Amino acid sequence: MFAVAYLLVFTVGGFTGMWLSHVGLNISLHDTFYVVAHFHLMLSGSTIIGCFCGFYYYFVSFFGLKYSRFFSFMHLVYYVGGQWMTFLPMFWLGFSGLPRRIHDYPTIFVG
């Protein structure tokens, strides 16, 4: 299940990276939360899920113990759910034009 989650997160992160490679979108999305969300989804999302996948796969070989499938499933749900709950709003804010630095905020985002 971690391998499937890895493929999903890596595919979505790669798709958002293709949007950043487009010249017209890169100009409007540069220095926004979209870039931050893409970077962290690829770095902390894909990479760490891949590490967890390998850890759970080799757990029995390393320790000679069987891990709890319930707790590993809950780990997957909470980790991947937390990733999406954190980064989906950041993608939306980046599309809205919210810059990633506080001193660059336009007055429309003041409240």
C-alpha atoms as a PDB file:
ATOM      1  CA  MET A   1       0.000   0.000   0.000  1.00  0.00           C
ATOM      2  CA  PHE A   2       2.928   2.320   0.642  1.00  0.00           C
ATOM      3  CA  ALA A   3       4.167   1.612  -2.897  1.00  0.00           C
ATOM      4  CA  VAL A   4       0.794   2.595  -4.347  1.00  0.00           C
ATOM      5  CA  ALA A   5       0.766   5.750  -2.205  1.00  0.00           C
ATOM      6  CA  TYR A   6       4.290   6.525  -3.394  1.00  0.00           C
ATOM      7  CA  LEU A   7       3.255   6.196  -7.033  1.00  0.00           C
ATOM      8  CA  LEU A   8       0.223   8.414  -6.485  1.00  0.00           C
ATOM      9  CA  VAL A   9       2.133  11.165  -4.683  1.00  0.00           C
ATOM     10  CA  PHE A  10       5.064  11.006  -7.109  1.00  0.00           C
ATOM     11  CA  THR A  11       2.716  11.208 -10.111  1.00  0.00           C
ATOM     12  CA  VAL A  12       0.832  14.186  -8.702  1.00  0.00           C
ATOM     13  CA  GLY A  13       4.082  15.905  -7.728  1.00  0.00           C
ATOM     14  CA  GLY A  14       5.520  15.277 -11.183  1.00  0.00           C
ATOM     15  CA  PHE A  15       2.374  16.646 -12.800  1.00  0.00           C
ATOM     16  CA  THR A  16       2.623  19.840 -10.743  1.00  0.00           C
ATOM     17  CA  GLY A  17       6.271  20.082 -11.798  1.00  0.00           C
ATOM     18  CA  MET A  18       5.246  19.938 -15.452  1.00  0.00           C
ATOM     19  CA  TRP A  19       3.027  22.955 -14.831  1.00  0.00           C
ATOM     20  CA  LEU A  20       6.003  24.794 -13.379  1.00  0.00           C
ATOM     21  CA  SER A  21       8.087  23.991 -16.449  1.00  0.00           C
ATOM     22  CA  HIS A  22       5.617  25.814 -18.708  1.00  0.00           C
ATOM     23  CA  VAL A  23       6.951  29.319 -19.329  1.00  0.00           C
ATOM     24  CA  GLY A  24       3.624  31.146 -19.057  1.00  0.00           C
ATOM     25  CA  LEU A  25       2.614  29.436 -15.828  1.00  0.00           C
ATOM     26  CA  ASN A  26       6.085  29.630 -14.324  1.00  0.00           C
ATOM     27  CA  ILE A  27       6.064  33.416 -14.581  1.00  0.00           C
ATOM     28  CA  SER A  28       2.746  33.672 -12.724  1.00  0.00           C
ATOM     29  CA  LEU A  29       3.503  30.909 -10.210  1.00  0.00           C
ATOM     30  CA  HIS A  30       7.101  31.935  -9.437  1.00  0.00           C
ATOM     31  CA  ASP A  31       7.643  32.762  -5.738  1.00  0.00           C
ATOM     32  CA  THR A  32       4.189  31.578  -4.706  1.00  0.00           C
ATOM     33  CA  PHE A  33       3.033  28.872  -2.346  1.00  0.00           C
ATOM     34  CA  TYR A  34       2.528  26.616  -5.381  1.00  0.00           C
ATOM     35  CA  VAL A  35       6.291  26.197  -5.763  1.00  0.00           C
ATOM     36  CA  VAL A  36       6.668  25.527  -2.038  1.00  0.00           C
ATOM     37  CA  ALA A  37       3.887  22.921  -2.103  1.00  0.00           C
ATOM     38  CA  HIS A  38       5.359  21.214  -5.177  1.00  0.00           C
ATOM     39  CA  PHE A  39       8.851  21.073  -3.680  1.00  0.00           C
ATOM     40  CA  HIS A  40       7.718  19.732  -0.333  1.00  0.00           C
ATOM     41  CA  LEU A  41       5.280  17.240  -1.867  1.00  0.00           C
ATOM     42  CA  MET A  42       8.115  15.807  -3.930  1.00  0.00           C
ATOM     43  CA  LEU A  43      10.693  15.977  -1.140  1.00  0.00           C
ATOM     44  CA  SER A  44       8.820  15.041   2.017  1.00  0.00           C
ATOM     45  CA  GLY A  45       5.953  13.281   0.309  1.00  0.00           C
ATOM     46  CA  SER A  46       7.474  11.007  -2.302  1.00  0.00           C
ATOM     47  CA  THR A  47      10.893  10.469  -0.796  1.00  0.00           C
ATOM     48  CA  ILE A  48       9.800   9.677   2.734  1.00  0.00           C
ATOM     49  CA  ILE A  49       6.936   7.437   1.577  1.00  0.00           C
ATOM     50  CA  GLY A  50       9.504   5.498  -0.455  1.00  0.00           C
ATOM     51  CA  CYS A  51      11.701   5.172   2.639  1.00  0.00           C
ATOM     52  CA  PHE A  52       8.747   3.950   4.702  1.00  0.00           C
ATOM     53  CA  CYS A  53       7.870   1.485   1.946  1.00  0.00           C
ATOM     54  CA  GLY A  54      11.364  -0.012   2.075  1.00  0.00           C
ATOM     55  CA  PHE A  55      11.355  -0.053   5.868  1.00  0.00           C
ATOM     56  CA  TYR A  56       8.090  -1.981   6.052  1.00  0.00           C
ATOM     57  CA  TYR A  57       9.190  -4.340   3.286  1.00  0.00           C
ATOM     58  CA  TYR A  58      12.477  -5.251   5.012  1.00  0.00           C
ATOM     59  CA  PHE A  59      11.232  -5.001   8.621  1.00  0.00           C
ATOM     60  CA  VAL A  60      10.959  -8.775   9.097  1.00  0.00           C
ATOM     61  CA  SER A  61      14.433  -9.340   7.605  1.00  0.00           C
ATOM     62  CA  PHE A  62      16.070  -6.721   9.824  1.00  0.00           C
ATOM     63  CA  PHE A  63      14.391  -7.416  13.156  1.00  0.00           C
ATOM     64  CA  GLY A  64      12.947 -10.917  12.861  1.00  0.00           C
ATOM     65  CA  LEU A  65       9.613  -9.618  14.136  1.00  0.00           C
ATOM     66  CA  LYS A  66       6.271  -9.162  12.441  1.00  0.00           C
ATOM     67  CA  TYR A  67       4.936  -5.614  12.618  1.00  0.00           C
ATOM     68  CA  SER A  68       1.324  -4.743  13.271  1.00  0.00           C
ATOM     69  CA  ARG A  69      -0.520  -4.357   9.992  1.00  0.00           C
ATOM     70  CA  PHE A  70      -3.156  -2.221  11.682  1.00  0.00           C
ATOM     71  CA  PHE A  71      -0.624   0.307  12.961  1.00  0.00           C
ATOM     72  CA  SER A  72       1.211   0.353   9.647  1.00  0.00           C
ATOM     73  CA  PHE A  73      -2.082   1.026   7.848  1.00  0.00           C
ATOM     74  CA  MET A  74      -2.879   3.812  10.312  1.00  0.00           C
ATOM     75  CA  HIS A  75       0.618   5.191   9.718  1.00  0.00           C
ATOM     76  CA  LEU A  76      -0.105   5.252   5.989  1.00  0.00           C
ATOM     77  CA  VAL A  77      -3.500   6.904   6.405  1.00  0.00           C
ATOM     78  CA  TYR A  78      -2.282   9.595   8.788  1.00  0.00           C
ATOM     79  CA  TYR A  79       0.915  10.348   6.887  1.00  0.00           C
ATOM     80  CA  VAL A  80      -0.608  10.533   3.408  1.00  0.00           C
ATOM     81  CA  GLY A  81      -3.722  12.272   4.715  1.00  0.00           C
ATOM     82  CA  GLY A  82      -1.563  14.824   6.486  1.00  0.00           C
ATOM     83  CA  GLN A  83       0.419  15.403   3.308  1.00  0.00           C
ATOM     84  CA  TRP A  84      -2.722  16.137   1.295  1.00  0.00           C
ATOM     85  CA  MET A  85      -4.329  18.248   4.025  1.00  0.00           C
ATOM     86  CA  THR A  86      -1.168  20.344   4.215  1.00  0.00           C
ATOM     87  CA  PHE A  87      -0.299  20.795   0.557  1.00  0.00           C
ATOM     88  CA  LEU A  88      -3.635  20.983  -1.293  1.00  0.00           C
ATOM     89  CA  PRO A  89      -4.499  24.354   0.296  1.00  0.00           C
ATOM     90  CA  MET A  90      -0.984  25.542  -0.534  1.00  0.00           C
ATOM     91  CA  PHE A  91      -1.526  24.657  -4.199  1.00  0.00           C
ATOM     92  CA  TRP A  92      -4.813  26.557  -4.155  1.00  0.00           C
ATOM     93  CA  LEU A  93      -3.215  29.584  -2.493  1.00  0.00           C
ATOM     94  CA  GLY A  94      -0.381  29.490  -5.018  1.00  0.00           C
ATOM     95  CA  PHE A  95      -2.854  29.538  -7.885  1.00  0.00           C
ATOM     96  CA  SER A  96      -4.523  32.498  -6.176  1.00  0.00           C
ATOM     97  CA  GLY A  97      -1.203  34.334  -6.256  1.00  0.00           C
ATOM     98  CA  LEU A  98      -0.248  34.268  -2.578  1.00  0.00           C
ATOM     99  CA  PRO A  99       3.503  34.895  -2.406  1.00  0.00           C
ATOM    100  CA  ARG A 100       5.690  32.802  -0.168  1.00  0.00           C
ATOM    101  CA  ARG A 101       7.295  35.770   1.571  1.00  0.00           C
ATOM    102  CA  ILE A 102       5.323  37.871   4.066  1.00  0.00           C
ATOM    103  CA  HIS A 103       6.680  41.229   2.906  1.00  0.00           C
ATOM    104  CA  ASP A 104       5.373  40.559  -0.616  1.00  0.00           C
ATOM    105  CA  TYR A 105       1.711  40.002   0.347  1.00  0.00           C
ATOM    106  CA  PRO A 106      -0.737  41.991  -1.778  1.00  0.00           C
ATOM    107  CA  THR A 107      -3.451  43.878   0.068  1.00  0.00           C
ATOM    108  CA  ILE A 108      -6.117  41.441  -1.160  1.00  0.00           C
ATOM    109  CA  PHE A 109      -4.700  38.777   1.212  1.00  0.00           C
ATOM    110  CA  VAL A 110      -4.616  41.035   4.286  1.00  0.00           C
ATOM    111  CA  GLY A 111      -8.168  40.123   5.330  1.00  0.00           C
END
